[in-house]
Amino acid sequence: MTAPSSPRLTRGLVVVLGFLSAVGPFAIDMYLASFTQIARDLDAAPASVQLTLTAFLAGLGTGQLVLGPLSDTWGRRPVLVLSTAVFAAASIALVFSPNIETFIALRLLQGLSGAAGVVIARAIAVDLSEGRTAVRALSLIATVGGLGPLIAPPIGGIVASLGDWRGVLAALAAIAVAMVAFAWFAVPESLPHEHRHTGGMRTTAASFAHFLRDRVYLGYTAAYACGFAGLMAYVSASPFVGQSILGMSPLLYGLGFAAGGSALLFANLTNARLAPRYGPERMLVIGASIGTTAAVVLVAASVFGFLSIPLFLVCAFTTMGSAGLTFGNTSALGLSRATQRNRGAGAALMGAAQFAGGAAVTPIVGLWGEHTALPMACAMLVGIGGALVLALRSNAALHRR
């Protein structure tokens, strides 16, 4: 396919970018309901199974640091197509994992290559939009990507109920192949040759240094990372809390998680409509406040022993909805500090911080124990509460300038 000379951010392209950026939800949410099966079949401890999630998140973070700047040099499309092909190959190999060590290694490769879908989709959206329209663009892409958390858990739960976890991973491999096809046939080049930098590692290092000196950018990036860490505390521990502690079946857990995904979808649609009118700064604070409240309720329920399936699902719904208001706005506010030449580097640093936070929190929650919901609830409160504090400070710093 030959990319058009003047690409536009059409509705069709928004859908494709949203699908490609949903690599995380698909690769994470589809197999959550299979955690207990994987632990049993591969003779692995629950903490080891959670390390497969940690490896994927670490790969997503590290991969963005490499692939984002590479797209500033080589263009968005070549890096996206090649990386997505590697992601598909790793997904196919994952189906045949003989042990937990191989599983973890392939999940790391999945994350490293799948990072392109996250960082480059975000960069393309901002390449083709500007100002507050970028907030709308990122929110709409997140809305499409939000279908991942909505449909991936029930797909995983149904396949796991009918077969086993290898069937779930085969379904993920099929989705990965579809991502390659969409990247090849539907994504144009959004970064003209005259806007690419050719300075190699020195220019890349200078781009990173530019953002590391920008306190406003760092504040929003840290808020993004903290909010994501709080969300991943829920995602990584909820299979054990829901199934082992509260007694939910894999299918019921998957449907409950999908209900949370619908909250994420609705919140992104709401943000796309309201953020251009009321400002991303205000919507960010609202989202982080809602998530912090849900985490406080979960901590209280865990401490005083009144956690139930309905309350667990309500808090999950609220937490996912708050993420829809938090992530799009922190991303847009942070990337508004970038120029076209260093936008890939800015998106990479933000994405790396995001997934580093998620990778750090998952083993902590796992090692604390899987027989109580308190570790999950406390980690959620620290992460999302920290995002609220950072959002307030960053908004104040932005308006002082």
Protein backbone atom coordinates (compact mmCIF):
# COMPACT_ATOMS: atom_id res chain seq x y z
CA MET A 1 0.00 0.00 0.00
CA THR A 2 1.24 3.50 -0.84
CA ALA A 3 0.55 5.99 1.91
CA PRO A 4 -1.37 9.10 0.83
CA SER A 5 0.64 12.28 0.55
CA SER A 6 -1.57 14.20 3.00
CA PRO A 7 -3.16 11.73 5.42
CA ARG A 8 -6.07 12.78 7.61
CA LEU A 9 -7.33 11.39 10.89
CA THR A 10 -10.51 9.87 9.48
CA ARG A 11 -13.02 7.82 11.42
CA GLY A 12 -11.71 4.68 9.79
CA LEU A 13 -8.14 5.48 10.80
CA VAL A 14 -9.27 6.23 14.36
CA VAL A 15 -10.84 2.76 14.53
CA VAL A 16 -7.68 1.11 13.20
CA LEU A 17 -5.40 3.03 15.58
CA GLY A 18 -7.69 2.16 18.46
CA PHE A 19 -7.53 -1.52 17.52
CA LEU A 20 -3.73 -1.44 17.31
CA SER A 21 -3.41 0.42 20.61
CA ALA A 22 -5.60 -2.24 22.25
CA VAL A 23 -2.67 -4.68 22.13
CA GLY A 24 -2.35 -4.33 25.91
CA PRO A 25 -5.99 -5.07 26.82
CA PHE A 26 -6.16 -8.03 24.44
CA ALA A 27 -2.81 -9.53 25.54
CA ILE A 28 -3.63 -9.00 29.23
CA ASP A 29 -7.37 -9.32 29.71
CA MET A 30 -8.00 -12.40 27.56
CA TYR A 31 -5.93 -14.74 29.72
CA LEU A 32 -6.67 -13.36 33.19
CA ALA A 33 -9.46 -15.86 33.78
CA SER A 34 -6.98 -18.65 32.91
CA PHE A 35 -4.45 -17.77 35.62
CA THR A 36 -5.50 -20.64 37.86
CA GLN A 37 -5.44 -23.12 34.92
CA ILE A 38 -1.96 -21.98 33.86
CA ALA A 39 -0.65 -22.32 37.41
CA ARG A 40 -2.02 -25.86 37.64
CA ASP A 41 -0.98 -27.12 34.18
CA LEU A 42 2.53 -25.66 34.24
CA ASP A 43 3.04 -26.54 37.92
CA ALA A 44 3.73 -22.88 38.73
CA ALA A 45 3.04 -20.79 41.80
CA PRO A 46 0.46 -17.99 41.47
CA ALA A 47 3.24 -15.41 41.91
CA SER A 48 5.09 -16.97 38.94
CA VAL A 49 1.97 -16.71 36.79
CA GLN A 50 1.66 -13.05 37.75
CA LEU A 51 5.26 -12.63 36.54
CA THR A 52 4.01 -13.37 33.02
CA LEU A 53 1.99 -10.18 33.33
CA THR A 54 4.98 -8.32 34.79
CA ALA A 55 7.19 -9.44 31.88
CA PHE A 56 4.65 -8.26 29.33
CA LEU A 57 4.29 -4.87 31.00
CA ALA A 58 8.07 -4.47 31.32
CA GLY A 59 8.37 -5.23 27.61
CA LEU A 60 5.69 -2.72 26.73
CA GLY A 61 7.51 -0.02 28.68
CA THR A 62 10.99 -0.81 27.38
CA GLY A 63 9.81 -1.29 23.81
CA GLN A 64 8.28 2.15 23.70
CA LEU A 65 11.60 3.76 24.67
CA VAL A 66 13.13 2.17 21.57
CA LEU A 67 10.29 2.14 19.05
CA GLY A 68 8.96 5.66 19.73
CA PRO A 69 12.26 7.41 18.91
CA LEU A 70 12.85 5.03 15.98
CA SER A 71 9.55 6.20 14.50
CA ASP A 72 10.81 9.81 14.74
CA THR A 73 13.75 8.75 12.54
CA TRP A 74 12.40 6.06 10.19
CA GLY A 75 8.76 7.08 10.07
CA ARG A 76 5.72 5.73 11.91
CA ARG A 77 4.54 3.10 9.42
CA PRO A 78 7.69 0.96 8.88
CA VAL A 79 8.33 0.61 12.61
CA LEU A 80 4.67 -0.19 13.27
CA VAL A 81 4.39 -2.89 10.59
CA LEU A 82 7.64 -4.69 11.45
CA SER A 83 7.04 -4.64 15.21
CA THR A 84 3.46 -5.86 14.87
CA ALA A 85 4.69 -8.79 12.77
CA VAL A 86 7.10 -9.79 15.55
CA PHE A 87 4.25 -9.50 18.06
CA ALA A 88 2.16 -11.92 15.98
CA ALA A 89 5.03 -14.41 15.76
CA ALA A 90 5.57 -14.32 19.54
CA SER A 91 1.83 -14.77 20.10
CA ILE A 92 1.78 -17.91 17.95
CA ALA A 93 4.84 -19.36 19.73
CA LEU A 94 3.23 -18.66 23.10
CA VAL A 95 0.51 -21.22 22.41
CA PHE A 96 3.11 -24.01 22.57
CA SER A 97 4.89 -22.92 25.78
CA PRO A 98 6.17 -26.06 27.57
CA ASN A 99 6.89 -24.39 30.92
CA ILE A 100 6.45 -21.17 32.85
CA GLU A 101 9.99 -19.95 32.05
CA THR A 102 9.35 -20.09 28.29
CA PHE A 103 5.96 -18.49 28.87
CA ILE A 104 7.54 -15.55 30.70
CA ALA A 105 10.25 -15.08 28.03
CA LEU A 106 7.73 -15.03 25.19
CA ARG A 107 5.52 -12.59 27.09
CA LEU A 108 8.51 -10.27 27.36
CA LEU A 109 9.02 -10.46 23.57
CA GLN A 110 5.30 -9.87 23.08
CA GLY A 111 5.53 -6.70 25.15
CA LEU A 112 8.69 -5.40 23.45
CA SER A 113 7.17 -5.74 19.98
CA GLY A 114 3.58 -4.91 20.89
CA ALA A 115 4.73 -1.57 22.29
CA ALA A 116 4.64 -0.17 18.75
CA GLY A 117 0.86 -0.35 18.64
CA VAL A 118 0.61 1.73 21.80
CA VAL A 119 3.25 4.42 21.24
CA ILE A 120 2.95 4.86 17.48
CA ALA A 121 -0.86 4.99 17.44
CA ARG A 122 -0.65 7.80 19.99
CA ALA A 123 2.02 9.65 17.97
CA ILE A 124 0.05 9.34 14.72
CA ALA A 125 -3.06 10.74 16.38
CA VAL A 126 -1.18 13.82 17.61
CA ASP A 127 0.66 14.14 14.27
CA LEU A 128 -2.69 14.56 12.54
CA SER A 129 -4.42 16.80 15.09
CA GLU A 130 -3.57 19.75 17.29
CA GLY A 131 -4.63 21.63 20.42
CA ARG A 132 -7.76 20.42 22.16
CA THR A 133 -8.69 18.40 19.09
CA ALA A 134 -5.80 16.13 20.07
CA VAL A 135 -7.62 15.39 23.34
CA ARG A 136 -10.69 14.38 21.37
CA ALA A 137 -8.60 12.27 18.97
CA LEU A 138 -6.81 10.43 21.78
CA SER A 139 -10.08 9.89 23.65
CA LEU A 140 -11.78 8.45 20.56
CA ILE A 141 -8.84 6.12 19.93
CA ALA A 142 -8.99 5.10 23.58
CA THR A 143 -12.72 4.51 23.12
CA VAL A 144 -12.09 2.05 20.31
CA GLY A 145 -9.23 0.53 22.29
CA GLY A 146 -11.61 0.33 25.23
CA LEU A 147 -13.49 -2.40 23.40
CA GLY A 148 -10.51 -4.60 24.29
CA PRO A 149 -11.29 -4.69 28.03
CA LEU A 150 -14.96 -5.04 27.11
CA ILE A 151 -14.76 -8.07 24.80
CA ALA A 152 -11.44 -9.73 25.69
CA PRO A 153 -12.42 -11.09 29.15
CA PRO A 154 -15.63 -12.82 28.05
CA ILE A 155 -13.83 -14.25 24.99
CA GLY A 156 -11.10 -15.56 27.27
CA GLY A 157 -13.61 -16.83 29.83
CA ILE A 158 -15.73 -18.63 27.22
CA VAL A 159 -12.73 -20.23 25.49
CA ALA A 160 -11.24 -21.25 28.85
CA SER A 161 -14.56 -22.80 29.89
CA LEU A 162 -14.89 -24.75 26.63
CA GLY A 163 -11.22 -25.69 26.29
CA ASP A 164 -8.11 -24.56 28.09
CA TRP A 165 -5.68 -21.66 28.34
CA ARG A 166 -3.83 -22.68 25.16
CA GLY A 167 -7.06 -22.13 23.24
CA VAL A 168 -7.25 -18.65 24.75
CA LEU A 169 -3.73 -17.90 23.55
CA ALA A 170 -4.58 -19.25 20.08
CA ALA A 171 -7.46 -16.75 19.92
CA LEU A 172 -5.01 -14.01 20.91
CA ALA A 173 -2.63 -15.14 18.15
CA ALA A 174 -5.44 -14.78 15.59
CA ILE A 175 -6.08 -11.22 16.80
CA ALA A 176 -2.35 -10.49 16.52
CA VAL A 177 -2.34 -11.62 12.88
CA ALA A 178 -5.29 -9.33 12.21
CA MET A 179 -3.29 -6.45 13.72
CA VAL A 180 -0.49 -7.07 11.21
CA ALA A 181 -2.97 -6.92 8.35
CA PHE A 182 -4.50 -3.65 9.55
CA ALA A 183 -1.07 -2.09 10.14
CA TRP A 184 0.02 -3.02 6.60
CA PHE A 185 -3.12 -2.12 4.65
CA ALA A 186 -4.79 0.69 6.61
CA VAL A 187 -2.20 2.86 8.36
CA PRO A 188 -0.62 5.71 6.33
CA GLU A 189 2.65 7.47 7.07
CA SER A 190 1.89 10.54 9.20
CA LEU A 191 5.44 11.89 9.63
CA PRO A 192 6.83 13.56 6.47
CA HIS A 193 10.51 13.09 5.66
CA GLU A 194 11.27 16.75 6.31
CA HIS A 195 10.01 16.42 9.90
CA ARG A 196 12.08 13.36 10.77
CA HIS A 197 15.30 13.77 12.71
CA THR A 198 18.48 12.25 11.35
CA GLY A 199 20.82 12.81 14.27
CA GLY A 200 20.78 9.23 15.51
CA MET A 201 21.23 8.46 19.20
CA ARG A 202 22.52 11.94 20.00
CA THR A 203 19.28 13.55 18.81
CA THR A 204 17.22 10.89 20.58
CA ALA A 205 19.10 11.53 23.82
CA ALA A 206 18.55 15.27 23.38
CA SER A 207 14.81 14.66 22.93
CA PHE A 208 14.64 12.59 26.10
CA ALA A 209 16.67 15.22 27.98
CA HIS A 210 14.23 17.92 26.81
CA PHE A 211 11.29 16.11 28.39
CA LEU A 212 13.19 15.21 31.55
CA ARG A 213 13.73 18.93 32.15
CA ASP A 214 10.06 19.79 31.65
CA ARG A 215 8.40 19.61 35.07
CA VAL A 216 4.89 19.92 33.67
CA TYR A 217 5.44 17.02 31.28
CA LEU A 218 7.02 14.95 34.06
CA GLY A 219 4.11 15.68 36.38
CA TYR A 220 1.48 14.49 33.93
CA THR A 221 3.62 11.50 32.98
CA ALA A 222 3.97 10.52 36.65
CA ALA A 223 0.20 10.92 37.12
CA TYR A 224 -0.35 8.62 34.13
CA ALA A 225 2.09 6.05 35.55
CA CYS A 226 0.59 6.11 39.05
CA GLY A 227 -2.96 5.79 37.75
CA PHE A 228 -1.97 2.87 35.54
CA ALA A 229 -0.14 1.19 38.42
CA GLY A 230 -3.30 1.42 40.51
CA LEU A 231 -5.35 -0.05 37.69
CA MET A 232 -2.86 -2.89 37.14
CA ALA A 233 -2.96 -3.74 40.85
CA TYR A 234 -6.64 -4.49 40.29
CA VAL A 235 -6.09 -6.28 36.96
CA SER A 236 -3.31 -8.58 38.24
CA ALA A 237 -4.91 -9.52 41.56
CA SER A 238 -8.59 -9.56 40.62
CA PRO A 239 -8.55 -13.11 39.15
CA PHE A 240 -7.47 -14.50 42.53
CA VAL A 241 -9.71 -12.16 44.53
CA GLY A 242 -12.72 -12.83 42.32
CA GLN A 243 -12.28 -16.59 41.83
CA SER A 244 -10.31 -17.84 44.85
CA ILE A 245 -11.65 -15.52 47.55
CA LEU A 246 -15.16 -14.63 46.33
CA GLY A 247 -15.85 -17.88 44.44
CA MET A 248 -16.63 -16.49 40.98
CA SER A 249 -16.47 -18.89 38.01
CA PRO A 250 -14.08 -18.03 35.12
CA LEU A 251 -17.03 -17.03 32.94
CA LEU A 252 -18.65 -14.90 35.64
CA TYR A 253 -15.32 -13.24 36.34
CA GLY A 254 -14.83 -12.56 32.64
CA LEU A 255 -18.29 -11.04 32.30
CA GLY A 256 -17.71 -8.92 35.39
CA PHE A 257 -14.42 -7.67 34.01
CA ALA A 258 -16.15 -6.90 30.72
CA ALA A 259 -18.69 -4.80 32.61
CA GLY A 260 -15.77 -2.77 33.91
CA GLY A 261 -14.58 -2.46 30.33
CA SER A 262 -17.94 -0.94 29.40
CA ALA A 263 -17.31 1.74 32.03
CA LEU A 264 -13.96 2.48 30.39
CA LEU A 265 -15.66 2.75 27.01
CA PHE A 266 -18.39 5.07 28.31
CA ALA A 267 -15.87 7.26 30.15
CA ASN A 268 -13.76 7.69 27.02
CA LEU A 269 -16.82 8.68 24.98
CA THR A 270 -17.79 11.13 27.69
CA ASN A 271 -14.30 12.58 27.80
CA ALA A 272 -14.18 13.01 24.02
CA ARG A 273 -17.32 15.12 24.25
CA LEU A 274 -16.62 17.09 27.44
CA ALA A 275 -12.83 17.59 27.55
CA PRO A 276 -12.71 20.04 24.60
CA ARG A 277 -15.44 22.07 26.31
CA TYR A 278 -14.41 22.00 29.97
CA GLY A 279 -10.70 21.35 29.56
CA PRO A 280 -8.63 18.19 30.07
CA GLU A 281 -7.26 19.54 33.36
CA ARG A 282 -10.69 19.50 35.01
CA MET A 283 -11.70 16.13 33.56
CA LEU A 284 -8.42 14.63 34.76
CA VAL A 285 -9.08 15.65 38.36
CA ILE A 286 -12.64 14.33 38.21
CA GLY A 287 -11.46 10.96 36.93
CA ALA A 288 -8.68 10.57 39.50
CA SER A 289 -11.08 11.57 42.32
CA ILE A 290 -13.61 8.90 41.29
CA GLY A 291 -10.90 6.22 41.19
CA THR A 292 -9.50 7.22 44.56
CA THR A 293 -12.96 6.98 46.11
CA ALA A 294 -13.42 3.44 44.74
CA ALA A 295 -10.04 2.40 46.14
CA VAL A 296 -10.93 3.78 49.60
CA VAL A 297 -14.14 1.72 49.59
CA LEU A 298 -12.21 -1.45 48.64
CA VAL A 299 -9.68 -0.90 51.43
CA ALA A 300 -12.46 -0.44 53.98
CA ALA A 301 -14.33 -3.52 52.72
CA SER A 302 -11.15 -5.62 52.92
CA VAL A 303 -10.22 -4.43 56.41
CA PHE A 304 -13.69 -4.78 57.94
CA GLY A 305 -14.71 -7.95 56.08
CA PHE A 306 -17.74 -6.83 54.09
CA LEU A 307 -16.32 -7.36 50.59
CA SER A 308 -18.86 -9.17 48.40
CA ILE A 309 -19.20 -9.99 44.71
CA PRO A 310 -21.63 -7.11 44.02
CA LEU A 311 -19.42 -4.58 45.83
CA PHE A 312 -16.32 -5.94 44.09
CA LEU A 313 -17.99 -5.51 40.70
CA VAL A 314 -19.21 -1.98 41.50
CA CYS A 315 -15.72 -0.90 42.56
CA ALA A 316 -14.23 -2.52 39.46
CA PHE A 317 -16.75 -0.68 37.27
CA THR A 318 -15.93 2.62 38.97
CA THR A 319 -12.17 2.08 38.79
CA MET A 320 -12.22 1.29 35.08
CA GLY A 321 -14.45 4.29 34.41
CA SER A 322 -12.09 6.61 36.24
CA ALA A 323 -9.22 5.31 34.10
CA GLY A 324 -11.09 6.41 30.99
CA LEU A 325 -11.13 9.97 32.28
CA THR A 326 -7.58 9.91 33.60
CA PHE A 327 -5.42 8.35 30.90
CA GLY A 328 -6.59 10.27 27.82
CA ASN A 329 -6.25 13.61 29.56
CA THR A 330 -2.82 13.00 31.10
CA SER A 331 -1.61 11.77 27.72
CA ALA A 332 -2.93 14.81 25.85
CA LEU A 333 -1.66 17.29 28.44
CA GLY A 334 1.78 15.70 28.53
CA LEU A 335 2.17 15.42 24.75
CA SER A 336 1.03 19.02 24.28
CA ARG A 337 4.55 19.86 25.50
CA ALA A 338 6.09 18.08 22.48
CA THR A 339 6.87 19.15 18.93
CA GLN A 340 6.40 17.07 15.80
CA ARG A 341 10.09 16.18 15.71
CA ASN A 342 10.21 14.77 19.24
CA ARG A 343 6.64 13.57 19.70
CA GLY A 344 7.63 9.92 19.33
CA ALA A 345 10.20 10.31 22.10
CA GLY A 346 7.65 12.08 24.31
CA ALA A 347 5.06 9.36 23.75
CA ALA A 348 7.74 6.72 24.40
CA LEU A 349 8.80 8.17 27.75
CA MET A 350 5.20 8.49 28.83
CA GLY A 351 4.37 4.95 27.77
CA ALA A 352 7.52 3.55 29.36
CA ALA A 353 6.68 5.21 32.66
CA GLN A 354 3.12 3.95 32.41
CA PHE A 355 4.04 0.30 31.96
CA ALA A 356 7.01 0.47 34.32
CA GLY A 357 4.54 1.45 37.03
CA GLY A 358 2.32 -1.48 36.10
CA ALA A 359 5.24 -3.91 35.97
CA ALA A 360 6.46 -2.77 39.38
CA VAL A 361 3.16 -3.15 41.18
CA THR A 362 2.10 -6.61 39.94
CA PRO A 363 4.82 -8.69 41.67
CA ILE A 364 4.42 -6.66 44.86
CA VAL A 365 0.73 -7.47 45.01
CA GLY A 366 1.45 -11.12 44.15
CA LEU A 367 4.16 -11.61 46.76
CA TRP A 368 2.00 -10.03 49.46
CA GLY A 369 -0.38 -12.96 49.11
CA GLU A 370 -3.40 -14.10 47.11
CA HIS A 371 -5.69 -15.00 50.02
CA THR A 372 -6.83 -11.47 50.87
CA ALA A 373 -8.02 -8.50 48.83
CA LEU A 374 -6.20 -5.99 51.04
CA PRO A 375 -2.92 -5.92 49.03
CA MET A 376 -4.84 -5.18 45.84
CA ALA A 377 -6.94 -2.48 47.48
CA CYS A 378 -3.98 -0.76 49.15
CA ALA A 379 -1.94 -0.73 45.94
CA MET A 380 -4.92 0.72 44.07
CA LEU A 381 -5.27 3.48 46.66
CA VAL A 382 -1.58 4.41 46.60
CA GLY A 383 -1.48 4.47 42.79
CA ILE A 384 -4.72 6.26 41.96
CA GLY A 385 -4.47 8.58 44.99
CA GLY A 386 -0.96 9.49 43.87
CA ALA A 387 -2.30 10.24 40.39
CA LEU A 388 -4.82 12.65 41.90
CA VAL A 389 -2.16 14.53 43.87
CA LEU A 390 0.15 14.74 40.84
CA ALA A 391 -2.70 15.90 38.60
CA LEU A 392 -3.54 18.77 40.96
CA ARG A 393 0.12 19.83 41.20
CA SER A 394 0.69 19.61 37.44
CA ASN A 395 -2.45 21.62 36.68
CA ALA A 396 -1.23 24.34 39.06
CA ALA A 397 2.23 24.35 37.45
CA LEU A 398 0.70 24.54 33.97
CA HIS A 399 -1.32 27.63 34.82
CA ARG A 400 1.62 29.36 36.47
CA ARG A 401 3.49 29.35 33.14
